[in-house]
Amino acid sequence: MGSPNLLRRLLLAALLGAATVPTAVAQSAAPIRIGLIAPLSGGSADFGTSVRNGATLAVTEINAVGGYLGRPLELVVRDDKADPATGRAVAEDLVKVEQVAFTIGFCNTGVALRALEIFETARHLLMVPCSQGTAVTARTPPAQSYVFRIAPADHMNARFLVREVVERRNLRRVAILADRTGYGDGGVKDLTAELARRQIEPVFVGRFDLGVRDLTALLQEARAAGAEAVINYTVGPEQAAAVKSRAALGWRVPYFAPWPLSFSSVLKDAGPAALEGTLMAQSIIQDGAHERRASFLASYTRLHPTERPIGSLMAAAQSYDAVHLMLRALFQTRGNTSGPALKAALEDLKDPYRGVVSTFDRPFSKDDHDAFSDRMIWLGEWRGGRIVYHYPGDARLSAVLRRKGD
């Protein structure tokens, strides 16, 4: 955890609670091998690297105080390159060849969807710390599924953004932009469904391929359609292309996006002027208002001093919290790493985990494998090259970590 002393106390308490674990298990030094899949190269490497680094920090801290009953945790890392075929191949490698205890992974929705069958068929526990596509935890009913997620689902992001645009700002002429990937497909579906619930149709829907460097033409069409707000579902490089095109047009239309707009690569590519005032859904915003969060940020910077600013704070914090949630599941199963045992433990976690992103108190159930609720999302804004809380009241509330049931 953020403080080694605090982690030592908490793990000691957990060890005392597991005092009846057989001595042979307690004395075993065999590592618990954890699969980790993330895009570590290509256009999604900014948040994939943050996933790996957040998980590495958690494993380093846990091992420093004895791991799980003397058994160190060990990450077995694979690069999916943000490519669906590669993602499926490395999933098969980790599950069937490496036979890791469980897997933490996936950032890109299209990559995750291509690989889910591997985990479900093998009854292998997958914890998703990054990919937000609604379908990731909806393809298989939770009661039968071995896929869990510790990230806001896109149907929550869509609800959050549409409420902000339509209900708080009373803007009804909404344009949607989205890339031609599984992530973009899901975003369009979720946004149009939320608008339809309010008897609104988007005035324009524009799709584009990954790799596009100029979105001027699509933005001109949105402006010609009378758009009062733009919501763009895509990853970092294409978010940068969109905000640069918007700035070049001189069109100061309110611009909203899910979390990829917050990546540090977008700031580097687009520059602070083009990003100024743009808004995005966030699960965590960097501040010093809460000791747990401040401690994590300090520890992360010490372990990864060259990653400044953090490629994706959300991805790093959520993967860090994912490792700690899985550790608590291991204590509850008394070291049983079978998929059914870990699934049952996650669906009925006994003790709250006071994490970096939130306090996770019974985050999952047999009918719900998403750890987040709408209440755990904040509206972030790019201001002067930094992401801040758009609403001052949220900055004050951030000192109290929101729980799913709040």
Protein backbone atom coordinates (compact mmCIF):
# COMPACT_ATOMS: atom_id res chain seq x y z
CA MET A 1 0.00 0.00 0.00
CA GLY A 2 1.13 3.60 0.03
CA SER A 3 2.82 3.31 3.45
CA PRO A 4 4.95 0.20 4.09
CA ASN A 5 4.15 0.38 7.81
CA LEU A 6 0.42 0.55 7.10
CA LEU A 7 0.66 -2.37 4.67
CA ARG A 8 2.66 -4.39 7.20
CA ARG A 9 -0.03 -3.85 9.85
CA LEU A 10 -2.87 -4.77 7.51
CA LEU A 11 -1.16 -7.85 6.18
CA LEU A 12 -0.27 -8.93 9.71
CA ALA A 13 -3.94 -8.67 10.62
CA ALA A 14 -4.83 -10.75 7.57
CA LEU A 15 -2.21 -13.34 8.49
CA LEU A 16 -3.57 -13.61 12.01
CA GLY A 17 -7.01 -14.13 10.54
CA ALA A 18 -5.60 -16.97 8.42
CA ALA A 19 -3.76 -18.63 11.29
CA THR A 20 -5.31 -22.01 10.56
CA VAL A 21 -3.67 -22.24 7.12
CA PRO A 22 -1.62 -25.45 7.03
CA THR A 23 2.04 -24.99 7.97
CA ALA A 24 3.24 -26.53 4.69
CA VAL A 25 1.48 -23.76 2.76
CA ALA A 26 2.80 -21.02 5.05
CA GLN A 27 6.38 -22.27 4.65
CA SER A 28 6.23 -22.61 0.87
CA ALA A 29 8.35 -20.09 -1.01
CA ALA A 30 6.93 -20.90 -4.45
CA PRO A 31 5.79 -17.64 -6.06
CA ILE A 32 2.20 -16.93 -6.94
CA ARG A 33 2.46 -16.09 -10.63
CA ILE A 34 0.08 -13.43 -11.91
CA GLY A 35 -0.52 -12.87 -15.60
CA LEU A 36 -0.59 -9.28 -16.78
CA ILE A 37 -1.69 -8.24 -20.28
CA ALA A 38 -1.44 -4.66 -21.50
CA PRO A 39 -0.53 -2.70 -24.64
CA LEU A 40 3.11 -1.89 -23.97
CA SER A 41 3.87 -0.77 -27.51
CA GLY A 42 1.98 1.18 -30.16
CA GLY A 43 -0.55 3.98 -29.82
CA SER A 44 -2.00 2.64 -26.55
CA ALA A 45 1.33 2.21 -24.77
CA ASP A 46 0.74 5.27 -22.59
CA PHE A 47 -2.01 3.65 -20.57
CA GLY A 48 -0.71 0.10 -21.00
CA THR A 49 2.60 1.09 -19.41
CA SER A 50 0.70 2.69 -16.53
CA VAL A 51 -1.21 -0.56 -15.96
CA ARG A 52 2.05 -2.50 -15.75
CA ASN A 53 3.70 0.08 -13.50
CA GLY A 54 0.73 0.31 -11.12
CA ALA A 55 0.63 -3.48 -10.76
CA THR A 56 4.41 -3.60 -10.31
CA LEU A 57 4.21 -1.08 -7.46
CA ALA A 58 1.56 -3.14 -5.69
CA VAL A 59 3.54 -6.38 -6.09
CA THR A 60 6.76 -4.70 -4.91
CA GLU A 61 5.09 -3.36 -1.76
CA ILE A 62 3.34 -6.64 -0.97
CA ASN A 63 6.53 -8.66 -1.43
CA ALA A 64 8.43 -6.24 0.80
CA VAL A 65 6.26 -7.37 3.74
CA GLY A 66 6.29 -11.07 2.98
CA GLY A 67 4.00 -11.56 0.01
CA TYR A 68 1.19 -14.03 0.63
CA LEU A 69 2.18 -16.12 3.66
CA GLY A 70 5.82 -15.99 2.63
CA ARG A 71 5.11 -16.64 -1.03
CA PRO A 72 6.16 -13.73 -3.26
CA LEU A 73 3.90 -12.47 -6.00
CA GLU A 74 5.41 -12.56 -9.49
CA LEU A 75 4.09 -10.77 -12.57
CA VAL A 76 4.25 -12.60 -15.89
CA VAL A 77 3.87 -9.71 -18.34
CA ARG A 78 2.71 -9.87 -21.95
CA ASP A 79 2.35 -7.07 -24.54
CA ASP A 80 -0.89 -7.30 -26.54
CA LYS A 81 0.21 -4.39 -28.79
CA ALA A 82 -3.42 -3.16 -28.79
CA ASP A 83 -4.05 -5.87 -31.40
CA PRO A 84 -6.98 -8.29 -30.91
CA ALA A 85 -5.21 -11.30 -32.46
CA THR A 86 -2.12 -10.72 -30.33
CA GLY A 87 -4.25 -10.24 -27.24
CA ARG A 88 -5.94 -13.60 -27.75
CA ALA A 89 -2.60 -15.31 -28.38
CA VAL A 90 -0.95 -13.99 -25.21
CA ALA A 91 -4.08 -14.86 -23.20
CA GLU A 92 -3.78 -18.46 -24.40
CA ASP A 93 -0.09 -18.45 -23.49
CA LEU A 94 -0.69 -17.24 -19.95
CA VAL A 95 -3.67 -19.51 -19.26
CA LYS A 96 -2.65 -22.71 -21.07
CA VAL A 97 1.15 -22.64 -21.17
CA GLU A 98 2.31 -20.49 -18.25
CA GLN A 99 -0.68 -21.58 -16.16
CA VAL A 100 -0.63 -18.42 -14.06
CA ALA A 101 -2.84 -18.27 -10.97
CA PHE A 102 -5.02 -15.50 -12.39
CA THR A 103 -4.69 -12.66 -14.85
CA ILE A 104 -4.96 -8.87 -14.66
CA GLY A 105 -5.35 -7.22 -17.99
CA PHE A 106 -6.62 -5.47 -21.06
CA CYS A 107 -6.96 -1.82 -21.92
CA ASN A 108 -8.47 -1.88 -25.41
CA THR A 109 -12.05 -3.11 -25.55
CA GLY A 110 -11.70 -4.80 -28.94
CA VAL A 111 -8.65 -6.70 -27.70
CA ALA A 112 -10.40 -7.79 -24.52
CA LEU A 113 -13.52 -8.99 -26.33
CA ARG A 114 -11.45 -11.17 -28.66
CA ALA A 115 -9.80 -12.92 -25.69
CA LEU A 116 -12.65 -13.33 -23.18
CA GLU A 117 -13.54 -16.82 -24.41
CA ILE A 118 -10.11 -18.09 -23.31
CA PHE A 119 -10.75 -17.15 -19.68
CA GLU A 120 -14.39 -18.22 -19.55
CA THR A 121 -13.72 -21.64 -21.09
CA ALA A 122 -10.77 -22.34 -18.80
CA ARG A 123 -12.61 -20.96 -15.74
CA HIS A 124 -9.61 -18.70 -15.20
CA LEU A 125 -10.08 -15.50 -13.21
CA LEU A 126 -9.57 -12.30 -15.23
CA MET A 127 -9.54 -8.91 -13.46
CA VAL A 128 -9.86 -6.01 -15.94
CA PRO A 129 -8.31 -2.79 -14.59
CA CYS A 130 -8.54 -0.65 -17.68
CA SER A 131 -10.89 -1.59 -20.54
CA GLN A 132 -14.25 0.13 -20.07
CA GLY A 133 -16.34 -1.33 -22.89
CA THR A 134 -19.78 -2.27 -21.57
CA ALA A 135 -19.68 -5.65 -23.33
CA VAL A 136 -16.57 -6.83 -21.45
CA THR A 137 -18.58 -7.80 -18.36
CA ALA A 138 -21.89 -8.28 -20.15
CA ARG A 139 -21.08 -10.91 -22.78
CA THR A 140 -21.42 -13.72 -20.23
CA PRO A 141 -23.94 -13.40 -17.36
CA PRO A 142 -22.03 -12.66 -14.13
CA ALA A 143 -23.31 -15.80 -12.42
CA GLN A 144 -21.40 -17.88 -14.98
CA SER A 145 -18.55 -15.47 -15.72
CA TYR A 146 -14.93 -15.40 -14.53
CA VAL A 147 -14.39 -11.83 -15.76
CA PHE A 148 -14.41 -8.99 -13.21
CA ARG A 149 -13.61 -5.31 -13.69
CA ILE A 150 -12.23 -2.50 -11.56
CA ALA A 151 -12.86 0.40 -13.96
CA PRO A 152 -15.97 2.44 -14.82
CA ALA A 153 -18.01 0.69 -17.52
CA ASP A 154 -18.78 2.76 -20.59
CA HIS A 155 -22.52 2.67 -20.04
CA MET A 156 -21.74 4.52 -16.78
CA ASN A 157 -19.48 6.99 -18.58
CA ALA A 158 -22.16 7.56 -21.22
CA ARG A 159 -24.80 8.15 -18.56
CA PHE A 160 -22.46 10.50 -16.70
CA LEU A 161 -21.55 12.53 -19.80
CA VAL A 162 -25.10 12.76 -21.16
CA ARG A 163 -26.38 13.90 -17.77
CA GLU A 164 -23.70 16.60 -17.76
CA VAL A 165 -24.44 17.77 -21.31
CA VAL A 166 -28.22 17.49 -21.41
CA GLU A 167 -29.40 17.85 -17.83
CA ARG A 168 -26.83 20.16 -16.22
CA ARG A 169 -26.11 22.30 -19.29
CA ASN A 170 -29.41 21.95 -21.16
CA LEU A 171 -27.64 21.26 -24.47
CA ARG A 172 -29.73 19.04 -26.70
CA ARG A 173 -27.95 19.17 -30.06
CA VAL A 174 -25.19 16.63 -29.48
CA ALA A 175 -22.63 15.36 -32.01
CA ILE A 176 -20.88 12.03 -31.45
CA LEU A 177 -17.44 11.15 -32.83
CA ALA A 178 -16.00 7.65 -32.42
CA ASP A 179 -13.27 5.48 -33.86
CA ARG A 180 -14.01 2.29 -35.80
CA THR A 181 -13.05 -0.15 -33.07
CA GLY A 182 -14.96 -2.17 -30.50
CA TYR A 183 -14.44 0.72 -28.11
CA GLY A 184 -15.93 3.24 -30.52
CA ASP A 185 -18.81 0.92 -31.42
CA GLY A 186 -19.71 0.50 -27.76
CA GLY A 187 -19.45 4.24 -27.12
CA VAL A 188 -21.85 5.10 -29.94
CA LYS A 189 -24.29 2.44 -28.75
CA ASP A 190 -24.22 3.60 -25.13
CA LEU A 191 -24.41 7.32 -25.94
CA THR A 192 -27.28 7.00 -28.41
CA ALA A 193 -29.18 4.84 -25.91
CA GLU A 194 -28.75 7.46 -23.18
CA LEU A 195 -29.84 10.25 -25.51
CA ALA A 196 -32.84 8.21 -26.66
CA ARG A 197 -33.99 7.87 -23.04
CA ARG A 198 -34.33 11.65 -23.14
CA GLN A 199 -36.07 11.65 -26.54
CA ILE A 200 -32.96 13.06 -28.22
CA GLU A 201 -31.17 11.90 -31.35
CA PRO A 202 -27.58 12.96 -32.07
CA VAL A 203 -27.43 15.65 -34.73
CA PHE A 204 -24.33 14.01 -36.20
CA VAL A 205 -22.40 10.75 -35.78
CA GLY A 206 -18.92 10.70 -37.31
CA ARG A 207 -16.68 7.61 -37.44
CA PHE A 208 -12.98 7.46 -38.22
CA ASP A 209 -10.11 4.97 -38.36
CA LEU A 210 -7.31 4.73 -35.82
CA GLY A 211 -4.24 6.58 -36.99
CA VAL A 212 -6.12 9.59 -38.37
CA ARG A 213 -4.20 12.82 -37.84
CA ASP A 214 -6.84 15.36 -38.85
CA LEU A 215 -10.53 15.37 -37.93
CA THR A 216 -11.32 18.79 -39.37
CA ALA A 217 -13.79 17.47 -41.95
CA LEU A 218 -15.87 15.57 -39.38
CA LEU A 219 -15.89 18.52 -36.99
CA GLN A 220 -17.01 20.81 -39.81
CA GLU A 221 -19.92 18.45 -40.48
CA ALA A 222 -20.82 18.46 -36.80
CA ARG A 223 -20.75 22.25 -36.73
CA ALA A 224 -22.85 22.45 -39.91
CA ALA A 225 -25.41 20.14 -38.22
CA GLY A 226 -25.76 22.68 -35.43
CA ALA A 227 -23.99 20.72 -32.68
CA GLU A 228 -23.94 22.44 -29.29
CA ALA A 229 -21.61 19.83 -27.79
CA VAL A 230 -19.25 17.12 -29.05
CA ILE A 231 -18.59 13.79 -27.31
CA ASN A 232 -15.66 11.81 -28.73
CA TYR A 233 -15.02 8.12 -28.00
CA THR A 234 -11.48 7.16 -28.97
CA VAL A 235 -8.01 6.61 -27.52
CA GLY A 236 -5.16 9.03 -26.90
CA PRO A 237 -3.62 9.80 -30.33
CA GLU A 238 -6.99 10.37 -31.94
CA GLN A 239 -8.19 12.52 -29.03
CA ALA A 240 -5.15 14.72 -29.69
CA ALA A 241 -6.02 14.88 -33.38
CA ALA A 242 -9.58 15.91 -32.56
CA VAL A 243 -8.74 18.71 -30.13
CA LYS A 244 -6.05 20.08 -32.45
CA SER A 245 -8.53 20.10 -35.34
CA ARG A 246 -11.12 21.82 -33.15
CA ALA A 247 -8.59 24.49 -32.17
CA ALA A 248 -7.56 25.03 -35.78
CA LEU A 249 -11.21 25.60 -36.69
CA GLY A 250 -11.56 28.11 -33.86
CA TRP A 251 -14.69 26.25 -32.80
CA ARG A 252 -14.99 26.49 -29.02
CA VAL A 253 -17.89 24.07 -28.79
CA PRO A 254 -17.99 22.22 -25.43
CA TYR A 255 -15.92 19.07 -25.89
CA PHE A 256 -16.44 15.94 -23.78
CA ALA A 257 -14.80 12.53 -23.74
CA PRO A 258 -14.32 9.46 -21.59
CA TRP A 259 -11.01 8.90 -19.85
CA PRO A 260 -8.52 8.63 -22.79
CA LEU A 261 -8.62 12.42 -23.10
CA SER A 262 -6.70 12.49 -19.80
CA PHE A 263 -3.61 10.60 -21.04
CA SER A 264 -0.32 12.46 -20.80
CA SER A 265 0.38 11.60 -24.45
CA VAL A 266 -2.62 13.73 -25.44
CA LEU A 267 -1.10 16.70 -23.65
CA LYS A 268 2.28 16.10 -25.29
CA ASP A 269 0.76 15.78 -28.77
CA ALA A 270 -1.98 18.43 -28.67
CA GLY A 271 -0.47 20.95 -26.26
CA PRO A 272 -2.20 22.72 -23.38
CA ALA A 273 -3.82 25.46 -25.51
CA ALA A 274 -5.80 23.01 -27.68
CA LEU A 275 -6.88 21.04 -24.60
CA GLU A 276 -7.86 24.02 -22.46
CA GLY A 277 -11.39 23.62 -21.09
CA THR A 278 -12.03 20.15 -22.54
CA LEU A 279 -13.79 17.75 -20.16
CA MET A 280 -13.60 14.05 -19.42
CA ALA A 281 -14.96 11.34 -17.10
CA GLN A 282 -12.43 10.31 -14.42
CA SER A 283 -12.27 7.84 -11.57
CA ILE A 284 -9.36 9.68 -9.93
CA ILE A 285 -7.84 13.14 -10.26
CA GLN A 286 -4.39 13.94 -8.90
CA ASP A 287 -4.53 15.90 -5.67
CA GLY A 288 -3.16 15.80 -2.16
CA ALA A 289 -6.52 15.92 -0.40
CA HIS A 290 -6.44 12.28 0.70
CA GLU A 291 -3.50 10.58 2.45
CA ARG A 292 -4.04 7.25 0.68
CA ARG A 293 -3.94 8.83 -2.75
CA ALA A 294 -1.01 11.13 -1.95
CA SER A 295 0.99 8.19 -0.60
CA PHE A 296 0.34 6.16 -3.76
CA LEU A 297 1.45 9.02 -5.97
CA ALA A 298 4.66 9.50 -3.98
CA SER A 299 5.47 5.77 -4.07
CA TYR A 300 4.68 5.50 -7.78
CA THR A 301 6.97 8.42 -8.61
CA ARG A 302 9.82 6.89 -6.59
CA LEU A 303 9.48 3.53 -8.36
CA HIS A 304 8.92 4.99 -11.85
CA PRO A 305 10.76 8.34 -11.83
CA THR A 306 10.94 8.65 -15.63
CA GLU A 307 7.15 8.46 -16.12
CA ARG A 308 6.31 12.11 -15.51
CA PRO A 309 3.53 12.92 -15.76
CA ILE A 310 1.97 9.48 -15.31
CA GLY A 311 0.79 8.19 -18.67
CA SER A 312 -2.64 7.42 -17.24
CA LEU A 313 -3.27 7.96 -13.54
CA MET A 314 -6.55 6.04 -13.77
CA ALA A 315 -4.91 2.99 -15.36
CA ALA A 316 -2.07 3.00 -12.83
CA ALA A 317 -4.29 3.40 -9.77
CA GLN A 318 -6.90 0.89 -10.92
CA SER A 319 -4.30 -1.80 -11.67
CA TYR A 320 -2.66 -1.14 -8.28
CA ASP A 321 -6.03 -1.55 -6.56
CA ALA A 322 -6.74 -4.66 -8.66
CA VAL A 323 -3.66 -6.43 -7.29
CA HIS A 324 -4.66 -5.58 -3.71
CA LEU A 325 -8.22 -6.78 -4.23
CA MET A 326 -6.90 -10.07 -5.59
CA LEU A 327 -4.59 -10.41 -2.55
CA ARG A 328 -7.64 -10.12 -0.31
CA ALA A 329 -9.38 -12.78 -2.37
CA LEU A 330 -6.34 -15.04 -1.89
CA PHE A 331 -6.50 -14.63 1.88
CA GLN A 332 -10.19 -15.44 1.79
CA THR A 333 -9.62 -18.62 -0.27
CA ARG A 334 -6.64 -19.56 1.96
CA GLY A 335 -4.39 -19.62 -1.08
CA ASN A 336 -6.68 -21.57 -3.40
CA THR A 337 -6.04 -20.02 -6.84
CA SER A 338 -8.61 -22.01 -8.79
CA GLY A 339 -11.00 -19.90 -10.83
CA PRO A 340 -14.13 -21.06 -8.99
CA ALA A 341 -12.57 -20.33 -5.57
CA LEU A 342 -11.37 -16.84 -6.55
CA LYS A 343 -14.70 -16.08 -8.23
CA ALA A 344 -16.65 -17.05 -5.09
CA ALA A 345 -14.33 -14.95 -2.91
CA LEU A 346 -14.61 -11.83 -5.08
CA GLU A 347 -18.39 -12.14 -5.17
CA ASP A 348 -18.46 -12.10 -1.37
CA LEU A 349 -15.40 -10.18 -0.13
CA LYS A 350 -15.70 -9.97 3.64
CA ASP A 351 -13.55 -6.94 4.41
CA PRO A 352 -13.47 -3.50 2.76
CA TYR A 353 -10.32 -2.47 0.91
CA ARG A 354 -9.46 1.20 1.31
CA GLY A 355 -7.90 1.72 -2.09
CA VAL A 356 -6.41 4.59 -4.05
CA VAL A 357 -9.36 5.12 -6.37
CA SER A 358 -12.07 4.37 -3.83
CA THR A 359 -12.99 2.30 -0.80
CA PHE A 360 -14.12 -1.04 -2.19
CA ASP A 361 -16.72 -2.49 0.17
CA ARG A 362 -18.35 -5.62 -1.31
CA PRO A 363 -17.55 -4.34 -4.83
CA PHE A 364 -18.81 -7.47 -6.57
CA SER A 365 -21.69 -9.91 -6.26
CA LYS A 366 -22.95 -12.96 -8.13
CA ASP A 367 -25.03 -10.62 -10.29
CA ASP A 368 -22.57 -7.74 -10.70
CA HIS A 369 -18.90 -8.04 -11.70
CA ASP A 370 -18.28 -4.28 -12.05
CA ALA A 371 -16.67 -2.63 -9.02
CA PHE A 372 -17.78 0.88 -9.99
CA SER A 373 -21.01 2.84 -9.88
CA ASP A 374 -21.91 6.20 -11.44
CA ARG A 375 -21.29 7.87 -8.09
CA MET A 376 -17.59 7.06 -8.33
CA ILE A 377 -16.99 9.17 -11.46
CA TRP A 378 -15.75 12.78 -11.46
CA LEU A 379 -15.75 15.42 -14.18
CA GLY A 380 -12.17 16.41 -14.96
CA GLU A 381 -11.06 19.45 -16.95
CA TRP A 382 -7.82 20.33 -18.71
CA ARG A 383 -6.76 23.68 -17.29
CA GLY A 384 -3.30 25.18 -17.79
CA GLY A 385 -1.83 21.82 -18.79
CA ARG A 386 -3.20 20.02 -15.72
CA ILE A 387 -6.33 17.98 -15.04
CA VAL A 388 -8.40 19.49 -12.25
CA TYR A 389 -11.89 18.97 -10.85
CA HIS A 390 -14.31 20.91 -13.04
CA TYR A 391 -16.60 21.58 -10.10
CA PRO A 392 -14.95 23.11 -7.00
CA GLY A 393 -17.32 21.16 -4.78
CA ASP A 394 -15.94 17.89 -6.15
CA ALA A 395 -12.43 18.93 -5.14
CA ARG A 396 -13.66 19.32 -1.58
CA LEU A 397 -15.50 15.99 -1.67
CA SER A 398 -12.45 14.15 -3.02
CA ALA A 399 -11.03 13.90 0.49
CA VAL A 400 -13.80 11.36 1.18
CA LEU A 401 -13.40 8.34 -1.07
CA ARG A 402 -16.75 7.34 -2.55
CA ARG A 403 -17.99 3.79 -2.22
CA LYS A 404 -20.06 1.89 -4.73
CA GLY A 405 -23.11 1.88 -2.47
CA ASP A 406 -22.95 5.56 -1.50
